[in-house]
Amino acid sequence: MGDLIPYRRGLYRMKQFYELYKDDEKVSSLVTQLNWTNHQ
């Protein structure tokens, strides 16, 4: 169960990022250009 904590923390950070930048077209277009290794 302890190994879920980093996973939950990552989900929380992704949710925060989304809520902060969801209406920002510039950020949205840049994120689509990143590959998965850049999202870590």
C-alpha atoms as a PDB file:
ATOM      1  CA  MET A   1       0.000   0.000   0.000  1.00  0.00           C
ATOM      2  CA  GLY A   2       2.906   2.339   0.687  1.00  0.00           C
ATOM      3  CA  ASP A   3       3.982   2.222  -2.940  1.00  0.00           C
ATOM      4  CA  LEU A   4       0.711   3.946  -3.929  1.00  0.00           C
ATOM      5  CA  ILE A   5       1.713   7.184  -2.189  1.00  0.00           C
ATOM      6  CA  PRO A   6       4.073   8.423  -4.970  1.00  0.00           C
ATOM      7  CA  TYR A   7       1.408   7.462  -7.531  1.00  0.00           C
ATOM      8  CA  ARG A   8      -1.258   9.461  -5.709  1.00  0.00           C
ATOM      9  CA  ARG A   9       1.114  12.402  -5.317  1.00  0.00           C
ATOM     10  CA  GLY A  10       1.745  12.351  -9.077  1.00  0.00           C
ATOM     11  CA  LEU A  11      -1.981  12.297  -9.815  1.00  0.00           C
ATOM     12  CA  TYR A  12      -2.507  15.223  -7.454  1.00  0.00           C
ATOM     13  CA  ARG A  13       0.252  17.205  -9.205  1.00  0.00           C
ATOM     14  CA  MET A  14      -1.219  16.426 -12.643  1.00  0.00           C
ATOM     15  CA  LYS A  15      -4.636  17.585 -11.425  1.00  0.00           C
ATOM     16  CA  GLN A  16      -3.135  20.830 -10.094  1.00  0.00           C
ATOM     17  CA  PHE A  17      -1.315  21.447 -13.378  1.00  0.00           C
ATOM     18  CA  TYR A  18      -4.479  20.811 -15.365  1.00  0.00           C
ATOM     19  CA  GLU A  19      -6.588  23.118 -13.212  1.00  0.00           C
ATOM     20  CA  LEU A  20      -4.001  25.879 -13.441  1.00  0.00           C
ATOM     21  CA  TYR A  21      -3.376  25.714 -17.192  1.00  0.00           C
ATOM     22  CA  LYS A  22      -6.517  24.125 -18.699  1.00  0.00           C
ATOM     23  CA  ASP A  23      -7.574  27.355 -20.426  1.00  0.00           C
ATOM     24  CA  ASP A  24      -4.094  28.407 -21.544  1.00  0.00           C
ATOM     25  CA  GLU A  25      -3.855  27.626 -25.265  1.00  0.00           C
ATOM     26  CA  LYS A  26      -0.096  28.207 -25.381  1.00  0.00           C
ATOM     27  CA  VAL A  27       0.618  25.654 -22.645  1.00  0.00           C
ATOM     28  CA  SER A  28      -1.859  23.199 -24.148  1.00  0.00           C
ATOM     29  CA  SER A  29      -0.158  23.286 -27.535  1.00  0.00           C
ATOM     30  CA  LEU A  30       3.314  22.931 -25.984  1.00  0.00           C
ATOM     31  CA  VAL A  31       2.331  19.934 -23.848  1.00  0.00           C
ATOM     32  CA  THR A  32       1.124  18.048 -26.921  1.00  0.00           C
ATOM     33  CA  GLN A  33       4.640  18.369 -28.390  1.00  0.00           C
ATOM     34  CA  LEU A  34       6.374  16.700 -25.425  1.00  0.00           C
ATOM     35  CA  ASN A  35       7.024  12.996 -25.356  1.00  0.00           C
ATOM     36  CA  TRP A  36       6.141  10.939 -22.280  1.00  0.00           C
ATOM     37  CA  THR A  37       9.651  11.084 -20.749  1.00  0.00           C
ATOM     38  CA  ASN A  38       9.376  14.867 -20.504  1.00  0.00           C
ATOM     39  CA  HIS A  39       6.226  14.601 -18.359  1.00  0.00           C
ATOM     40  CA  GLN A  40       7.970  12.930 -15.438  1.00  0.00           C
END
